[in-house]
Amino acid sequence: NCFGASAHAAVQTLLTDGRVADLLAWAETAPTPEAAAALHAALHAPDAVREVLLHDAVDHSIARQLLASLDVSAADTLIDVLRDAPARAARRFTFDRLREFGPSLTPLYIARLNGAPWFLVRNLLALLRDAFAESGHLAGTASGSAIMGFLEHPQEQVRLEAVRLLVNDPQQRADVIGRVLEDPSDRVVHLALEAFGSLGEAAGAGSVPPELAKRLLRFLDAGHRDDELRARAIRALAGAKAVGPVRDRLLALITKRSRVFKRVTLHDPTPTVLAAVEVLALRYAPDPTVAPMLDLAVKHEDRRMRDAVERARVAAGRAA
């Protein structure tokens, strides 16, 4: 055996001394395939990987070299490093290497979610999102259901990553957004509503089923969110089926009666009002109760109101 106990001991000493680059170079120029394999095996052992990557001041060049030499069999150890490494750079390099392994690690990521600290859960969900983007599916319905539970996680960062992952699944998107509308964090709600894209994209996709439309209306009625967030929820309603309750709620948002003559006029163009005008112009323009209000918007002295109608007409043209 050309790679006996004394050689193994020498390799461990070199690892402890931080001479990983030398070991990697020797592995490439070893005199026999057996010696090269033995060197690689020593370098890739879990303890050796941890020895290099768990230093407080990890050497960036050495870390990259070692990670590049690892294959998918080291994934479980790398997840440990992602959890335990004190150096941010080591965590970043490790995350990037895991991502390069692709969707084959999806089952492992899901298995490691159970009982993981929140910061590891966040990274595993981000890796799952990348895997989903490449493969187009999670590892089964049960996996998707398990991930849904992280929408209730106490850490906002985890909930954000869960939303980023789950809204990419068309089969779960509506349920995810409906649940997230009750999240206490405006950041999480905003991220979920971004899944609808632009006004025209939302209308063209038919992406809002009736139950989600009801939840969006309840979200608007709650009234405790900021105006920009409520405006985004209104634009999401462009993807809902044109029905009376949606139309009536949007009309109520944009109209008021004058005090003296009791004429119906439009509210000032806040973000919420402008969003409601856009959706009414896009989805309800022929409606006899809506058309007169849109005429008022087109003739409005404030350009923002006129522009809202024009944006809707352009979006309708693109969707046609």
Protein backbone atom coordinates (compact mmCIF):
# COMPACT_ATOMS: atom_id res chain seq x y z
CA ASN A 1 0.00 0.00 0.00
CA CYS A 2 1.69 3.19 -1.20
CA PHE A 3 -0.49 5.32 1.05
CA GLY A 4 -0.14 3.84 4.53
CA ALA A 5 -0.77 5.05 8.03
CA SER A 6 2.24 7.36 8.08
CA ALA A 7 1.09 9.06 4.89
CA HIS A 8 -2.38 9.53 6.32
CA ALA A 9 -0.87 11.10 9.40
CA ALA A 10 1.21 13.43 7.22
CA VAL A 11 -1.91 14.50 5.32
CA GLN A 12 -3.72 15.29 8.57
CA THR A 13 -0.76 17.37 9.73
CA LEU A 14 -0.75 19.33 6.49
CA LEU A 15 -4.49 19.91 6.80
CA THR A 16 -4.04 21.22 10.32
CA ASP A 17 -1.28 23.52 9.07
CA GLY A 18 -3.61 24.88 6.41
CA ARG A 19 -1.66 23.48 3.46
CA VAL A 20 -4.75 22.45 1.55
CA ALA A 21 -3.54 24.02 -1.68
CA ASP A 22 -0.40 21.84 -1.57
CA LEU A 23 -2.48 18.72 -0.96
CA LEU A 24 -4.80 19.52 -3.85
CA ALA A 25 -1.81 20.07 -6.12
CA TRP A 26 -0.22 16.80 -5.03
CA ALA A 27 -3.47 14.95 -5.63
CA GLU A 28 -3.37 16.13 -9.24
CA THR A 29 0.24 15.06 -9.74
CA ALA A 30 0.29 11.88 -7.65
CA PRO A 31 2.47 9.13 -9.14
CA THR A 32 -0.33 6.54 -9.17
CA PRO A 33 -4.13 6.63 -9.43
CA GLU A 34 -4.29 4.93 -6.05
CA ALA A 35 -2.27 7.68 -4.40
CA ALA A 36 -4.37 10.40 -6.07
CA ALA A 37 -7.57 8.71 -4.91
CA ALA A 38 -6.22 8.39 -1.38
CA LEU A 39 -5.25 12.06 -1.25
CA HIS A 40 -8.66 13.12 -2.53
CA ALA A 41 -10.37 10.83 -0.03
CA ALA A 42 -8.37 12.40 2.80
CA LEU A 43 -9.14 15.90 1.61
CA HIS A 44 -12.84 15.17 1.15
CA ALA A 45 -13.40 13.46 4.48
CA PRO A 46 -16.02 15.34 6.53
CA ASP A 47 -13.52 16.23 9.25
CA ALA A 48 -11.07 17.60 6.69
CA VAL A 49 -13.77 19.72 5.00
CA ARG A 50 -14.82 21.10 8.36
CA GLU A 51 -11.18 21.76 9.30
CA VAL A 52 -10.83 24.07 6.33
CA LEU A 53 -14.23 25.76 6.20
CA LEU A 54 -15.03 26.26 9.87
CA HIS A 55 -12.09 28.55 10.63
CA ASP A 56 -12.96 32.02 11.90
CA ALA A 57 -10.75 33.52 9.19
CA VAL A 58 -11.18 31.15 6.28
CA ASP A 59 -8.73 31.47 3.39
CA HIS A 60 -10.94 32.40 0.43
CA SER A 61 -8.72 30.88 -2.22
CA ILE A 62 -8.26 27.59 -0.39
CA ALA A 63 -11.96 27.36 0.43
CA ARG A 64 -12.88 27.82 -3.23
CA GLN A 65 -10.33 25.22 -4.35
CA LEU A 66 -11.54 22.65 -1.85
CA LEU A 67 -15.21 23.23 -2.62
CA ALA A 68 -14.58 22.95 -6.36
CA SER A 69 -12.97 19.55 -5.81
CA LEU A 70 -15.99 18.17 -3.91
CA ASP A 71 -18.84 16.30 -5.53
CA VAL A 72 -22.45 15.76 -4.54
CA SER A 73 -21.50 13.06 -2.01
CA ALA A 74 -20.22 15.86 0.26
CA ALA A 75 -23.58 17.66 0.32
CA ASP A 76 -24.58 16.59 3.83
CA THR A 77 -21.27 17.83 5.22
CA LEU A 78 -21.61 21.09 3.32
CA ILE A 79 -25.03 21.67 4.85
CA ASP A 80 -23.37 21.25 8.26
CA VAL A 81 -20.83 23.88 7.20
CA LEU A 82 -23.62 26.17 6.04
CA ARG A 83 -25.08 25.86 9.52
CA ASP A 84 -21.87 26.11 11.57
CA ALA A 85 -19.34 28.24 9.67
CA PRO A 86 -18.55 31.44 11.59
CA ALA A 87 -17.18 33.20 8.50
CA ARG A 88 -19.76 34.71 6.18
CA ALA A 89 -17.52 34.08 3.17
CA ALA A 90 -17.35 30.36 3.96
CA ARG A 91 -21.14 30.21 4.15
CA ARG A 92 -21.45 32.10 0.86
CA PHE A 93 -18.96 29.84 -0.96
CA THR A 94 -20.63 26.74 0.48
CA PHE A 95 -24.10 27.91 -0.53
CA ASP A 96 -22.90 28.58 -4.07
CA ARG A 97 -21.32 25.12 -4.32
CA LEU A 98 -24.49 23.42 -3.12
CA ARG A 99 -26.49 25.39 -5.65
CA GLU A 100 -24.22 24.11 -8.43
CA PHE A 101 -25.24 20.54 -7.62
CA GLY A 102 -28.73 21.27 -8.92
CA PRO A 103 -32.15 19.78 -8.12
CA SER A 104 -30.85 16.28 -7.30
CA LEU A 105 -30.39 17.45 -3.72
CA THR A 106 -34.03 18.49 -3.25
CA PRO A 107 -34.90 15.47 -1.05
CA LEU A 108 -31.86 16.11 1.16
CA TYR A 109 -32.71 19.80 1.58
CA ILE A 110 -36.27 18.93 2.57
CA ALA A 111 -35.07 16.30 5.03
CA ARG A 112 -32.63 18.74 6.63
CA LEU A 113 -35.35 21.37 7.18
CA ASN A 114 -36.73 19.40 10.11
CA GLY A 115 -35.41 20.82 13.37
CA ALA A 116 -32.91 23.15 11.68
CA PRO A 117 -32.14 26.58 13.15
CA TRP A 118 -33.92 29.42 11.39
CA PHE A 119 -30.86 30.70 9.54
CA LEU A 120 -30.23 27.25 8.03
CA VAL A 121 -33.93 26.91 7.15
CA ARG A 122 -33.71 30.21 5.30
CA ASN A 123 -30.72 29.00 3.27
CA LEU A 124 -32.25 25.59 2.56
CA LEU A 125 -35.44 27.23 1.29
CA ALA A 126 -33.34 29.47 -0.96
CA LEU A 127 -31.55 26.38 -2.33
CA LEU A 128 -34.90 24.69 -2.88
CA ARG A 129 -36.09 27.76 -4.79
CA ASP A 130 -33.11 27.48 -7.14
CA ALA A 131 -33.69 23.74 -7.51
CA PHE A 132 -37.37 24.35 -8.30
CA ALA A 133 -36.46 26.96 -10.91
CA GLU A 134 -34.28 24.36 -12.66
CA SER A 135 -36.52 21.30 -12.34
CA GLY A 136 -39.98 22.89 -12.32
CA HIS A 137 -41.26 20.84 -9.39
CA LEU A 138 -40.69 20.02 -5.75
CA ALA A 139 -40.21 16.47 -4.55
CA GLY A 140 -43.90 15.64 -4.33
CA THR A 141 -47.06 17.08 -2.82
CA ALA A 142 -46.08 16.12 0.72
CA SER A 143 -42.91 18.18 0.40
CA GLY A 144 -44.83 21.22 -0.77
CA SER A 145 -47.24 20.84 2.12
CA ALA A 146 -44.36 20.63 4.60
CA ILE A 147 -42.83 23.81 3.21
CA MET A 148 -46.18 25.59 3.53
CA GLY A 149 -45.73 25.31 7.29
CA PHE A 150 -42.82 27.73 7.13
CA LEU A 151 -45.25 30.49 6.16
CA GLU A 152 -46.07 30.53 9.88
CA HIS A 153 -42.44 30.62 11.07
CA PRO A 154 -41.71 33.26 13.74
CA GLN A 155 -38.71 34.59 11.81
CA GLU A 156 -39.64 37.01 9.04
CA GLN A 157 -36.59 35.99 6.96
CA VAL A 158 -37.81 32.40 6.86
CA ARG A 159 -41.32 33.42 5.84
CA LEU A 160 -39.88 35.57 3.05
CA GLU A 161 -37.90 32.65 1.65
CA ALA A 162 -40.91 30.34 1.94
CA VAL A 163 -42.97 32.83 -0.07
CA ARG A 164 -40.24 33.20 -2.72
CA LEU A 165 -40.22 29.44 -3.16
CA LEU A 166 -43.92 28.64 -3.01
CA VAL A 167 -45.30 31.41 -5.24
CA ASN A 168 -43.32 29.89 -8.11
CA ASP A 169 -45.54 26.79 -7.98
CA PRO A 170 -48.72 27.56 -9.97
CA GLN A 171 -50.65 24.85 -8.13
CA GLN A 172 -50.00 26.44 -4.73
CA ARG A 173 -49.66 30.14 -5.59
CA ALA A 174 -53.23 31.22 -4.85
CA ASP A 175 -53.34 29.37 -1.53
CA VAL A 176 -49.96 30.78 -0.52
CA ILE A 177 -50.95 34.37 -1.29
CA GLY A 178 -54.29 33.99 0.45
CA ARG A 179 -52.55 32.81 3.63
CA VAL A 180 -49.83 35.42 3.46
CA LEU A 181 -52.31 38.29 3.27
CA GLU A 182 -52.74 37.81 7.02
CA ASP A 183 -49.01 37.99 7.75
CA PRO A 184 -48.11 40.80 10.18
CA SER A 185 -45.12 41.82 8.05
CA ASP A 186 -45.77 44.22 5.17
CA ARG A 187 -42.54 42.95 3.56
CA VAL A 188 -43.91 39.41 3.38
CA VAL A 189 -47.29 40.52 2.00
CA HIS A 190 -45.62 42.79 -0.56
CA LEU A 191 -43.43 39.93 -1.77
CA ALA A 192 -46.42 37.63 -2.19
CA LEU A 193 -48.40 40.21 -4.14
CA GLU A 194 -45.44 40.77 -6.47
CA ALA A 195 -46.19 37.32 -7.89
CA PHE A 196 -48.99 38.90 -9.92
CA GLY A 197 -46.54 41.02 -11.89
CA SER A 198 -47.78 44.04 -13.79
CA LEU A 199 -51.40 45.02 -14.26
CA GLY A 200 -51.60 43.54 -17.74
CA GLU A 201 -49.87 40.31 -16.72
CA ALA A 202 -52.32 39.82 -13.87
CA ALA A 203 -55.31 40.33 -16.13
CA GLY A 204 -54.02 38.07 -18.85
CA ALA A 205 -53.13 35.21 -16.56
CA GLY A 206 -56.51 34.76 -14.88
CA SER A 207 -54.47 34.08 -11.78
CA VAL A 208 -56.96 34.99 -9.05
CA PRO A 209 -59.58 32.33 -8.26
CA PRO A 210 -62.79 33.41 -6.51
CA GLU A 211 -61.65 32.47 -2.99
CA LEU A 212 -58.46 34.51 -3.33
CA ALA A 213 -60.47 37.45 -4.70
CA LYS A 214 -62.61 37.33 -1.54
CA ARG A 215 -59.48 37.33 0.60
CA LEU A 216 -58.09 40.30 -1.27
CA LEU A 217 -61.32 42.19 -0.68
CA ARG A 218 -61.16 41.35 3.03
CA PHE A 219 -57.56 42.56 3.04
CA LEU A 220 -58.72 45.91 1.62
CA ASP A 221 -61.57 46.14 4.11
CA ALA A 222 -59.22 45.60 7.04
CA GLY A 223 -57.72 49.01 6.24
CA HIS A 224 -54.65 48.80 8.48
CA ARG A 225 -52.03 48.41 5.73
CA ASP A 226 -50.18 51.24 4.03
CA ASP A 227 -51.61 52.73 0.85
CA GLU A 228 -48.95 51.33 -1.49
CA LEU A 229 -49.54 47.80 -0.26
CA ARG A 230 -53.30 48.12 -0.60
CA ALA A 231 -52.77 49.46 -4.13
CA ARG A 232 -50.80 46.35 -5.02
CA ALA A 233 -53.61 44.16 -3.68
CA ILE A 234 -56.09 46.10 -5.81
CA ARG A 235 -54.02 45.56 -8.95
CA ALA A 236 -53.97 41.85 -8.17
CA LEU A 237 -57.75 41.91 -8.55
CA ALA A 238 -57.21 42.53 -12.26
CA GLY A 239 -56.68 38.78 -12.46
CA ALA A 240 -60.05 37.98 -10.88
CA LYS A 241 -63.24 37.15 -12.74
CA ALA A 242 -65.28 40.30 -13.38
CA VAL A 243 -68.00 40.11 -10.74
CA GLY A 244 -70.27 42.56 -8.95
CA PRO A 245 -68.67 42.47 -5.48
CA VAL A 246 -65.22 43.33 -6.87
CA ARG A 247 -66.61 46.06 -9.10
CA ASP A 248 -68.66 47.58 -6.28
CA ARG A 249 -65.74 47.59 -3.86
CA LEU A 250 -63.50 49.30 -6.39
CA LEU A 251 -66.16 51.90 -7.18
CA ALA A 252 -66.52 52.61 -3.46
CA LEU A 253 -62.78 53.23 -3.26
CA ILE A 254 -62.74 55.88 -5.98
CA THR A 255 -66.05 57.72 -5.54
CA LYS A 256 -67.65 60.12 -3.07
CA ARG A 257 -70.67 62.43 -3.03
CA SER A 258 -70.24 66.17 -2.90
CA ARG A 259 -71.61 67.77 0.26
CA VAL A 260 -73.77 70.40 -1.41
CA PHE A 261 -75.25 68.87 -4.56
CA LYS A 262 -74.70 65.22 -3.60
CA ARG A 263 -73.10 64.57 -6.98
CA VAL A 264 -70.83 61.59 -7.40
CA THR A 265 -67.23 62.69 -7.80
CA LEU A 266 -63.83 61.03 -7.58
CA HIS A 267 -61.54 60.91 -4.58
CA ASP A 268 -58.14 62.54 -4.83
CA PRO A 269 -55.62 60.35 -6.73
CA THR A 270 -53.93 58.41 -3.94
CA PRO A 271 -52.11 55.15 -4.84
CA THR A 272 -55.18 53.17 -3.80
CA VAL A 273 -57.54 55.27 -5.90
CA LEU A 274 -55.28 55.15 -8.94
CA ALA A 275 -54.96 51.36 -8.70
CA ALA A 276 -58.75 51.00 -8.48
CA VAL A 277 -59.23 53.24 -11.52
CA GLU A 278 -56.74 51.11 -13.47
CA VAL A 279 -58.51 47.85 -12.65
CA LEU A 280 -61.96 49.30 -13.38
CA ALA A 281 -60.74 50.63 -16.73
CA LEU A 282 -59.11 47.32 -17.58
CA ARG A 283 -61.82 44.88 -16.56
CA TYR A 284 -65.09 46.81 -16.18
CA ALA A 285 -65.00 49.59 -18.76
CA PRO A 286 -68.20 48.53 -20.60
CA ASP A 287 -70.17 48.26 -17.34
CA PRO A 288 -72.84 51.03 -17.27
CA THR A 289 -72.11 51.80 -13.61
CA VAL A 290 -68.38 52.09 -14.27
CA ALA A 291 -68.25 53.95 -17.59
CA PRO A 292 -69.41 57.33 -16.16
CA MET A 293 -66.73 57.16 -13.46
CA LEU A 294 -64.07 56.46 -16.06
CA ASP A 295 -65.30 59.48 -18.03
CA LEU A 296 -64.70 61.57 -14.92
CA ALA A 297 -61.20 60.11 -14.62
CA VAL A 298 -60.39 60.85 -18.26
CA LYS A 299 -61.48 64.49 -17.77
CA HIS A 300 -59.86 64.85 -14.36
CA GLU A 301 -57.65 67.87 -13.78
CA ASP A 302 -54.94 65.70 -12.22
CA ARG A 303 -52.81 64.05 -14.89
CA ARG A 304 -52.22 60.98 -12.69
CA MET A 305 -55.89 60.09 -12.94
CA ARG A 306 -55.89 60.41 -16.72
CA ASP A 307 -52.70 58.38 -16.94
CA ALA A 308 -54.25 55.58 -14.86
CA VAL A 309 -56.97 55.10 -17.46
CA GLU A 310 -54.44 55.21 -20.27
CA ARG A 311 -52.23 52.59 -18.61
CA ALA A 312 -55.22 50.28 -18.32
CA ARG A 313 -56.13 50.75 -21.97
CA VAL A 314 -52.57 49.95 -23.04
CA ALA A 315 -52.57 46.84 -20.82
CA ALA A 316 -55.89 45.76 -22.28
CA GLY A 317 -54.46 46.14 -25.78
CA ARG A 318 -51.50 43.93 -24.89
CA ALA A 319 -53.75 41.27 -23.34
CA ALA A 320 -56.12 41.20 -26.33
